[in-house]
PDB file of N, CA and C in Angstrom:
ATOM      1  N   MET A   1      62.123   2.642  80.345  1.00  0.00           N
ATOM      2  CA  MET A   1      60.711   2.694  80.099  1.00  0.00           C
ATOM      3  C   MET A   1      60.185   1.269  79.947  1.00  0.00           C
ATOM      4  N   ILE A   2      58.986   1.080  80.395  1.00  0.00           N
ATOM      5  CA  ILE A   2      58.393  -0.256  80.395  1.00  0.00           C
ATOM      6  C   ILE A   2      56.983  -0.205  79.820  1.00  0.00           C
ATOM      7  N   THR A   3      56.730  -1.044  78.834  1.00  0.00           N
ATOM      8  CA  THR A   3      55.387  -1.221  78.318  1.00  0.00           C
ATOM      9  C   THR A   3      54.932  -2.628  78.692  1.00  0.00           C
ATOM     10  N   LYS A   4      53.824  -2.710  79.388  1.00  0.00           N
ATOM     11  CA  LYS A   4      53.244  -4.006  79.731  1.00  0.00           C
ATOM     12  C   LYS A   4      52.278  -4.374  78.618  1.00  0.00           C
ATOM     13  N   LYS A   5      52.523  -5.547  77.995  1.00  0.00           N
ATOM     14  CA  LYS A   5      51.734  -5.933  76.841  1.00  0.00           C
ATOM     15  C   LYS A   5      51.275  -7.375  76.944  1.00  0.00           C
ATOM     16  N   ARG A   6      50.226  -7.671  76.191  1.00  0.00           N
ATOM     17  CA  ARG A   6      49.759  -9.041  76.002  1.00  0.00           C
ATOM     18  C   ARG A   6      49.759  -9.275  74.486  1.00  0.00           C
ATOM     19  N   PHE A   7      50.346 -10.399  74.103  1.00  0.00           N
ATOM     20  CA  PHE A   7      50.402 -10.762  72.692  1.00  0.00           C
ATOM     21  C   PHE A   7      49.444 -11.916  72.446  1.00  0.00           C
ATOM     22  N   HIS A   8      48.768 -11.887  71.295  1.00  0.00           N
ATOM     23  CA  HIS A   8      47.700 -12.838  71.018  1.00  0.00           C
ATOM     24  C   HIS A   8      48.048 -13.885  69.963  1.00  0.00           C
ATOM     25  N   ASN A   9      49.111 -13.641  69.199  1.00  0.00           N
ATOM     26  CA  ASN A   9      49.462 -14.612  68.158  1.00  0.00           C
ATOM     27  C   ASN A   9      50.928 -14.478  67.769  1.00  0.00           C
ATOM     28  N   ILE A  10      51.402 -15.407  66.997  1.00  0.00           N
ATOM     29  CA  ILE A  10      52.809 -15.449  66.595  1.00  0.00           C
ATOM     30  C   ILE A  10      53.175 -14.257  65.713  1.00  0.00           C
ATOM     31  N   GLU A  11      52.235 -13.770  64.924  1.00  0.00           N
ATOM     32  CA  GLU A  11      52.511 -12.630  64.056  1.00  0.00           C
ATOM     33  C   GLU A  11      52.879 -11.394  64.877  1.00  0.00           C
ATOM     34  N   GLU A  12      52.194 -11.184  65.989  1.00  0.00           N
ATOM     35  CA  GLU A  12      52.515 -10.043  66.856  1.00  0.00           C
ATOM     36  C   GLU A  12      53.912 -10.197  67.449  1.00  0.00           C
ATOM     37  N   LEU A  13      54.262 -11.411  67.840  1.00  0.00           N
ATOM     38  CA  LEU A  13      55.602 -11.651  68.383  1.00  0.00           C
ATOM     39  C   LEU A  13      56.678 -11.459  67.313  1.00  0.00           C
ATOM     40  N   GLN A  14      56.397 -11.884  66.099  1.00  0.00           N
ATOM     41  CA  GLN A  14      57.343 -11.688  65.005  1.00  0.00           C
ATOM     42  C   GLN A  14      57.546 -10.199  64.718  1.00  0.00           C
ATOM     43  N   LYS A  15      56.466  -9.445  64.765  1.00  0.00           N
ATOM     44  CA  LYS A  15      56.552  -8.001  64.542  1.00  0.00           C
ATOM     45  C   LYS A  15      57.376  -7.343  65.661  1.00  0.00           C
ATOM     46  N   LEU A  16      57.127  -7.748  66.896  1.00  0.00           N
ATOM     47  CA  LEU A  16      57.891  -7.215  68.028  1.00  0.00           C
ATOM     48  C   LEU A  16      59.376  -7.513  67.848  1.00  0.00           C
ATOM     49  N   GLN A  17      59.711  -8.737  67.495  1.00  0.00           N
ATOM     50  CA  GLN A  17      61.118  -9.103  67.331  1.00  0.00           C
ATOM     51  C   GLN A  17      61.757  -8.332  66.177  1.00  0.00           C
ATOM     52  N   ALA A  18      61.047  -8.166  65.082  1.00  0.00           N
ATOM     53  CA  ALA A  18      61.580  -7.410  63.945  1.00  0.00           C
ATOM     54  C   ALA A  18      61.862  -5.960  64.344  1.00  0.00           C
ATOM     55  N   LEU A  19      60.944  -5.357  65.079  1.00  0.00           N
ATOM     56  CA  LEU A  19      61.148  -3.980  65.532  1.00  0.00           C
ATOM     57  C   LEU A  19      62.299  -3.896  66.536  1.00  0.00           C
ATOM     58  N   ALA A  20      62.415  -4.891  67.395  1.00  0.00           N
ATOM     59  CA  ALA A  20      63.517  -4.923  68.363  1.00  0.00           C
ATOM     60  C   ALA A  20      64.854  -5.019  67.645  1.00  0.00           C
ATOM     61  N   ASN A  21      64.914  -5.813  66.581  1.00  0.00           N
ATOM     62  CA  ASN A  21      66.161  -5.963  65.831  1.00  0.00           C
ATOM     63  C   ASN A  21      66.556  -4.688  65.105  1.00  0.00           C
ATOM     64  N   ARG A  22      65.616  -3.832  64.818  1.00  0.00           N
ATOM     65  CA  ARG A  22      65.918  -2.546  64.183  1.00  0.00           C
ATOM     66  C   ARG A  22      66.275  -1.466  65.199  1.00  0.00           C
ATOM     67  N   CYS A  23      66.034  -1.727  66.459  1.00  0.00           N
ATOM     68  CA  CYS A  23      66.295  -0.748  67.516  1.00  0.00           C
ATOM     69  C   CYS A  23      67.791  -0.756  67.846  1.00  0.00           C
ATOM     70  N   PRO A  24      68.428   0.432  67.871  1.00  0.00           N
ATOM     71  CA  PRO A  24      69.858   0.479  68.179  1.00  0.00           C
ATOM     72  C   PRO A  24      70.172   0.178  69.651  1.00  0.00           C
ATOM     73  N   ASP A  25      69.181   0.256  70.504  1.00  0.00           N
ATOM     74  CA  ASP A  25      69.366   0.018  71.938  1.00  0.00           C
ATOM     75  C   ASP A  25      68.880  -1.375  72.308  1.00  0.00           C
ATOM     76  N   GLY A  26      69.209  -1.798  73.501  1.00  0.00           N
ATOM     77  CA  GLY A  26      68.747  -3.077  73.998  1.00  0.00           C
ATOM     78  C   GLY A  26      67.250  -3.087  74.247  1.00  0.00           C
ATOM     79  N   VAL A  27      66.655  -4.248  74.049  1.00  0.00           N
ATOM     80  CA  VAL A  27      65.229  -4.448  74.317  1.00  0.00           C
ATOM     81  C   VAL A  27      65.104  -5.767  75.072  1.00  0.00           C
ATOM     82  N   GLY A  28      64.540  -5.706  76.255  1.00  0.00           N
ATOM     83  CA  GLY A  28      64.343  -6.902  77.057  1.00  0.00           C
ATOM     84  C   GLY A  28      62.880  -7.237  77.197  1.00  0.00           C
ATOM     85  N   LEU A  29      62.606  -8.515  77.317  1.00  0.00           N
ATOM     86  CA  LEU A  29      61.263  -8.990  77.638  1.00  0.00           C
ATOM     87  C   LEU A  29      61.355  -9.673  78.985  1.00  0.00           C
ATOM     88  N   HIS A  30      60.493  -9.251  79.910  1.00  0.00           N
ATOM     89  CA  HIS A  30      60.526  -9.766  81.273  1.00  0.00           C
ATOM     90  C   HIS A  30      59.179 -10.379  81.618  1.00  0.00           C
ATOM     91  N   SER A  31      59.223 -11.465  82.371  1.00  0.00           N
ATOM     92  CA  SER A  31      57.976 -11.967  82.949  1.00  0.00           C
ATOM     93  C   SER A  31      57.517 -10.933  83.976  1.00  0.00           C
ATOM     94  N   GLU A  32      56.237 -10.931  84.298  1.00  0.00           N
ATOM     95  CA  GLU A  32      55.708  -9.943  85.245  1.00  0.00           C
ATOM     96  C   GLU A  32      56.417  -9.972  86.593  1.00  0.00           C
ATOM     97  N   ASP A  33      56.788 -11.160  87.049  1.00  0.00           N
ATOM     98  CA  ASP A  33      57.438 -11.267  88.351  1.00  0.00           C
ATOM     99  C   ASP A  33      58.954 -11.069  88.269  1.00  0.00           C
ATOM    100  N   GLY A  34      59.473 -10.871  87.056  1.00  0.00           N
ATOM    101  CA  GLY A  34      60.894 -10.615  86.882  1.00  0.00           C
ATOM    102  C   GLY A  34      61.777 -11.854  86.957  1.00  0.00           C
ATOM    103  N   SER A  35      61.172 -13.025  87.033  1.00  0.00           N
ATOM    104  CA  SER A  35      61.966 -14.245  87.155  1.00  0.00           C
ATOM    105  C   SER A  35      62.609 -14.670  85.834  1.00  0.00           C
ATOM    106  N   ILE A  36      62.054 -14.207  84.715  1.00  0.00           N
ATOM    107  CA  ILE A  36      62.602 -14.533  83.402  1.00  0.00           C
ATOM    108  C   ILE A  36      62.842 -13.230  82.647  1.00  0.00           C
ATOM    109  N   ILE A  37      64.066 -13.081  82.134  1.00  0.00           N
ATOM    110  CA  ILE A  37      64.430 -11.909  81.344  1.00  0.00           C
ATOM    111  C   ILE A  37      65.145 -12.415  80.100  1.00  0.00           C
ATOM    112  N   VAL A  38      64.651 -12.011  78.925  1.00  0.00           N
ATOM    113  CA  VAL A  38      65.268 -12.441  77.672  1.00  0.00           C
ATOM    114  C   VAL A  38      65.498 -11.238  76.763  1.00  0.00           C
ATOM    115  N   ASP A  39      66.410 -11.417  75.837  1.00  0.00           N
ATOM    116  CA  ASP A  39      66.693 -10.416  74.820  1.00  0.00           C
ATOM    117  C   ASP A  39      65.612 -10.520  73.748  1.00  0.00           C
ATOM    118  N   ALA A  40      64.886  -9.435  73.502  1.00  0.00           N
ATOM    119  CA  ALA A  40      63.794  -9.455  72.522  1.00  0.00           C
ATOM    120  C   ALA A  40      64.305  -9.665  71.100  1.00  0.00           C
ATOM    121  N   LYS A  41      65.608  -9.480  70.892  1.00  0.00           N
ATOM    122  CA  LYS A  41      66.186  -9.663  69.565  1.00  0.00           C
ATOM    123  C   LYS A  41      66.521 -11.125  69.291  1.00  0.00           C
ATOM    124  N   SER A  42      66.429 -11.959  70.298  1.00  0.00           N
ATOM    125  CA  SER A  42      66.784 -13.369  70.183  1.00  0.00           C
ATOM    126  C   SER A  42      65.545 -14.221  69.933  1.00  0.00           C
ATOM    127  N   PHE A  43      65.508 -14.886  68.792  1.00  0.00           N
ATOM    128  CA  PHE A  43      64.381 -15.758  68.468  1.00  0.00           C
ATOM    129  C   PHE A  43      64.264 -16.890  69.485  1.00  0.00           C
ATOM    130  N   ILE A  44      65.379 -17.493  69.829  1.00  0.00           N
ATOM    131  CA  ILE A  44      65.386 -18.605  70.791  1.00  0.00           C
ATOM    132  C   ILE A  44      64.932 -18.113  72.168  1.00  0.00           C
ATOM    133  N   GLY A  45      65.352 -16.918  72.561  1.00  0.00           N
ATOM    134  CA  GLY A  45      64.985 -16.378  73.866  1.00  0.00           C
ATOM    135  C   GLY A  45      63.487 -16.238  74.058  1.00  0.00           C
ATOM    136  N   LEU A  46      62.768 -15.995  72.981  1.00  0.00           N
ATOM    137  CA  LEU A  46      61.322 -15.812  73.079  1.00  0.00           C
ATOM    138  C   LEU A  46      60.610 -17.060  73.600  1.00  0.00           C
ATOM    139  N   PHE A  47      61.221 -18.235  73.404  1.00  0.00           N
ATOM    140  CA  PHE A  47      60.602 -19.477  73.859  1.00  0.00           C
ATOM    141  C   PHE A  47      60.617 -19.616  75.383  1.00  0.00           C
ATOM    142  N   ALA A  48      61.389 -18.793  76.063  1.00  0.00           N
ATOM    143  CA  ALA A  48      61.492 -18.894  77.522  1.00  0.00           C
ATOM    144  C   ALA A  48      60.302 -18.270  78.245  1.00  0.00           C
ATOM    145  N   LEU A  49      59.564 -17.417  77.557  1.00  0.00           N
ATOM    146  CA  LEU A  49      58.456 -16.705  78.200  1.00  0.00           C
ATOM    147  C   LEU A  49      57.110 -17.365  77.916  1.00  0.00           C
ATOM    148  N   ASP A  50      56.208 -17.205  78.864  1.00  0.00           N
ATOM    149  CA  ASP A  50      54.839 -17.677  78.726  1.00  0.00           C
ATOM    150  C   ASP A  50      53.998 -16.513  78.203  1.00  0.00           C
ATOM    151  N   PHE A  51      53.707 -16.520  76.916  1.00  0.00           N
ATOM    152  CA  PHE A  51      52.991 -15.403  76.309  1.00  0.00           C
ATOM    153  C   PHE A  51      51.480 -15.494  76.496  1.00  0.00           C
ATOM    154  N   THR A  52      50.997 -16.454  77.271  1.00  0.00           N
ATOM    155  CA  THR A  52      49.581 -16.452  77.636  1.00  0.00           C
ATOM    156  C   THR A  52      49.340 -15.446  78.751  1.00  0.00           C
ATOM    157  N   LYS A  53      50.442 -14.940  79.324  1.00  0.00           N
ATOM    158  CA  LYS A  53      50.382 -13.927  80.386  1.00  0.00           C
ATOM    159  C   LYS A  53      51.016 -12.640  79.874  1.00  0.00           C
ATOM    160  N   PRO A  54      50.701 -11.506  80.499  1.00  0.00           N
ATOM    161  CA  PRO A  54      51.338 -10.256  80.098  1.00  0.00           C
ATOM    162  C   PRO A  54      52.853 -10.318  80.306  1.00  0.00           C
ATOM    163  N   VAL A  55      53.581  -9.596  79.451  1.00  0.00           N
ATOM    164  CA  VAL A  55      55.026  -9.470  79.589  1.00  0.00           C
ATOM    165  C   VAL A  55      55.389  -7.991  79.631  1.00  0.00           C
ATOM    166  N   LEU A  56      56.555  -7.715  80.175  1.00  0.00           N
ATOM    167  CA  LEU A  56      57.063  -6.354  80.238  1.00  0.00           C
ATOM    168  C   LEU A  56      58.097  -6.170  79.142  1.00  0.00           C
ATOM    169  N   VAL A  57      57.904  -5.170  78.312  1.00  0.00           N
ATOM    170  CA  VAL A  57      58.854  -4.837  77.259  1.00  0.00           C
ATOM    171  C   VAL A  57      59.658  -3.646  77.775  1.00  0.00           C
ATOM    172  N   VAL A  58      60.966  -3.851  77.916  1.00  0.00           N
ATOM    173  CA  VAL A  58      61.816  -2.863  78.563  1.00  0.00           C
ATOM    174  C   VAL A  58      62.853  -2.329  77.584  1.00  0.00           C
ATOM    175  N   SER A  59      62.871  -1.016  77.399  1.00  0.00           N
ATOM    176  CA  SER A  59      63.871  -0.354  76.566  1.00  0.00           C
ATOM    177  C   SER A  59      63.886   1.122  76.922  1.00  0.00           C
ATOM    178  N   GLU A  60      65.041   1.726  76.805  1.00  0.00           N
ATOM    179  CA  GLU A  60      65.148   3.163  77.043  1.00  0.00           C
ATOM    180  C   GLU A  60      64.949   3.958  75.755  1.00  0.00           C
ATOM    181  N   ASN A  61      64.596   3.294  74.678  1.00  0.00           N
ATOM    182  CA  ASN A  61      64.423   3.941  73.391  1.00  0.00           C
ATOM    183  C   ASN A  61      62.950   4.324  73.193  1.00  0.00           C
ATOM    184  N   MET A  62      62.672   5.608  73.287  1.00  0.00           N
ATOM    185  CA  MET A  62      61.298   6.116  73.165  1.00  0.00           C
ATOM    186  C   MET A  62      60.696   5.782  71.806  1.00  0.00           C
ATOM    187  N   ASP A  63      61.503   5.892  70.757  1.00  0.00           N
ATOM    188  CA  ASP A  63      61.009   5.607  69.420  1.00  0.00           C
ATOM    189  C   ASP A  63      60.554   4.147  69.299  1.00  0.00           C
ATOM    190  N   PHE A  64      61.282   3.238  69.927  1.00  0.00           N
ATOM    191  CA  PHE A  64      60.887   1.829  69.908  1.00  0.00           C
ATOM    192  C   PHE A  64      59.521   1.647  70.560  1.00  0.00           C
ATOM    193  N   HIS A  65      59.292   2.288  71.705  1.00  0.00           N
ATOM    194  CA  HIS A  65      58.000   2.163  72.388  1.00  0.00           C
ATOM    195  C   HIS A  65      56.868   2.730  71.517  1.00  0.00           C
ATOM    196  N   LYS A  66      57.169   3.780  70.774  1.00  0.00           N
ATOM    197  CA  LYS A  66      56.166   4.318  69.848  1.00  0.00           C
ATOM    198  C   LYS A  66      55.836   3.305  68.760  1.00  0.00           C
ATOM    199  N   ARG A  67      56.867   2.628  68.255  1.00  0.00           N
ATOM    200  CA  ARG A  67      56.667   1.662  67.172  1.00  0.00           C
ATOM    201  C   ARG A  67      55.864   0.440  67.616  1.00  0.00           C
ATOM    202  N   ILE A  68      55.999   0.050  68.878  1.00  0.00           N
ATOM    203  CA  ILE A  68      55.268  -1.147  69.334  1.00  0.00           C
ATOM    204  C   ILE A  68      53.911  -0.809  69.947  1.00  0.00           C
ATOM    205  N   ALA A  69      53.535   0.454  69.925  1.00  0.00           N
ATOM    206  CA  ALA A  69      52.282   0.877  70.564  1.00  0.00           C
ATOM    207  C   ALA A  69      51.072   0.105  70.061  1.00  0.00           C
ATOM    208  N   ARG A  70      51.075  -0.257  68.785  1.00  0.00           N
ATOM    209  CA  ARG A  70      49.908  -0.945  68.208  1.00  0.00           C
ATOM    210  C   ARG A  70      50.176  -2.420  67.911  1.00  0.00           C
ATOM    211  N   VAL A  71      51.250  -2.949  68.475  1.00  0.00           N
ATOM    212  CA  VAL A  71      51.551  -4.374  68.328  1.00  0.00           C
ATOM    213  C   VAL A  71      51.071  -5.069  69.594  1.00  0.00           C
ATOM    214  N   GLY A  72      50.161  -6.003  69.455  1.00  0.00           N
ATOM    215  CA  GLY A  72      49.610  -6.655  70.632  1.00  0.00           C
ATOM    216  C   GLY A  72      48.695  -5.710  71.398  1.00  0.00           C
ATOM    217  N   GLU A  73      48.403  -6.069  72.604  1.00  0.00           N
ATOM    218  CA  GLU A  73      47.520  -5.281  73.476  1.00  0.00           C
ATOM    219  C   GLU A  73      48.368  -4.588  74.546  1.00  0.00           C
ATOM    220  N   THR A  74      48.304  -3.269  74.586  1.00  0.00           N
ATOM    221  CA  THR A  74      49.054  -2.523  75.583  1.00  0.00           C
ATOM    222  C   THR A  74      48.216  -2.405  76.844  1.00  0.00           C
ATOM    223  N   LEU A  75      48.778  -2.850  77.952  1.00  0.00           N
ATOM    224  CA  LEU A  75      48.076  -2.822  79.228  1.00  0.00           C
ATOM    225  C   LEU A  75      48.480  -1.616  80.069  1.00  0.00           C
ATOM    226  N   SER A  76      49.753  -1.207  79.975  1.00  0.00           N
ATOM    227  CA  SER A  76      50.207  -0.020  80.700  1.00  0.00           C
ATOM    228  C   SER A  76      51.553   0.424  80.152  1.00  0.00           C
ATOM    229  N   PHE A  77      51.928   1.653  80.501  1.00  0.00           N
ATOM    230  CA  PHE A  77      53.221   2.211  80.119  1.00  0.00           C
ATOM    231  C   PHE A  77      53.781   2.973  81.304  1.00  0.00           C
ATOM    232  N   GLN A  78      55.075   2.776  81.563  1.00  0.00           N
ATOM    233  CA  GLN A  78      55.741   3.511  82.642  1.00  0.00           C
ATOM    234  C   GLN A  78      57.013   4.123  82.092  1.00  0.00           C
ATOM    235  N   PRO A  79      57.347   5.325  82.417  1.00  0.00           N
ATOM    236  CA  PRO A  79      56.675   6.159  83.399  1.00  0.00           C
ATOM    237  C   PRO A  79      55.391   6.762  82.854  1.00  0.00           C
ATOM    238  N   GLU A  80      54.404   6.789  83.682  1.00  0.00           N
ATOM    239  CA  GLU A  80      53.061   7.249  83.317  1.00  0.00           C
ATOM    240  C   GLU A  80      53.070   8.664  82.734  1.00  0.00           C
ATOM    241  N   PHE A  81      53.940   9.545  83.253  1.00  0.00           N
ATOM    242  CA  PHE A  81      53.935  10.939  82.789  1.00  0.00           C
ATOM    243  C   PHE A  81      54.379  11.055  81.330  1.00  0.00           C
ATOM    244  N   MET A  82      55.041  10.042  80.789  1.00  0.00           N
ATOM    245  CA  MET A  82      55.481  10.070  79.405  1.00  0.00           C
ATOM    246  C   MET A  82      54.500   9.380  78.463  1.00  0.00           C
ATOM    247  N   LYS A  83      53.424   8.864  78.990  1.00  0.00           N
ATOM    248  CA  LYS A  83      52.467   8.103  78.195  1.00  0.00           C
ATOM    249  C   LYS A  83      51.934   8.924  77.018  1.00  0.00           C
ATOM    250  N   CYS A  84      51.743  10.195  77.210  1.00  0.00           N
ATOM    251  CA  CYS A  84      51.212  11.047  76.133  1.00  0.00           C
ATOM    252  C   CYS A  84      52.204  11.151  74.973  1.00  0.00           C
ATOM    253  N   GLU A  85      53.506  10.963  75.226  1.00  0.00           N
ATOM    254  CA  GLU A  85      54.505  10.981  74.180  1.00  0.00           C
ATOM    255  C   GLU A  85      54.347   9.757  73.263  1.00  0.00           C
ATOM    256  N   ILE A  86      53.942   8.644  73.844  1.00  0.00           N
ATOM    257  CA  ILE A  86      53.821   7.392  73.113  1.00  0.00           C
ATOM    258  C   ILE A  86      52.480   7.276  72.427  1.00  0.00           C
ATOM    259  N   TYR A  87      51.415   7.602  73.147  1.00  0.00           N
ATOM    260  CA  TYR A  87      50.049   7.379  72.665  1.00  0.00           C
ATOM    261  C   TYR A  87      49.359   8.705  72.353  1.00  0.00           C
ATOM    262  N   LYS A  88      49.861   9.392  71.354  1.00  0.00           N
ATOM    263  CA  LYS A  88      49.299  10.691  70.969  1.00  0.00           C
ATOM    264  C   LYS A  88      47.968  10.519  70.316  1.00  0.00           C
TER     265      LYS A  88
END
């Protein structure tokens, strides 16, 4: 599952990382073009991405996507048919 998000400040990124660290599954952050992929649980890895642009948050954990629904600005969620599960 992929949530496309835009983050506006360091507090949102800190919240995302804290939630990722509590997630039992892997969480990746990808640049839109896929050229950069980092572990969302890694503080150092976060410096590799340009957060002035949207990023893709990738995880197969539905509960994690629910938890980040209100962190930052959500631009889209895939798969689209599951969007109602996340944004009730």
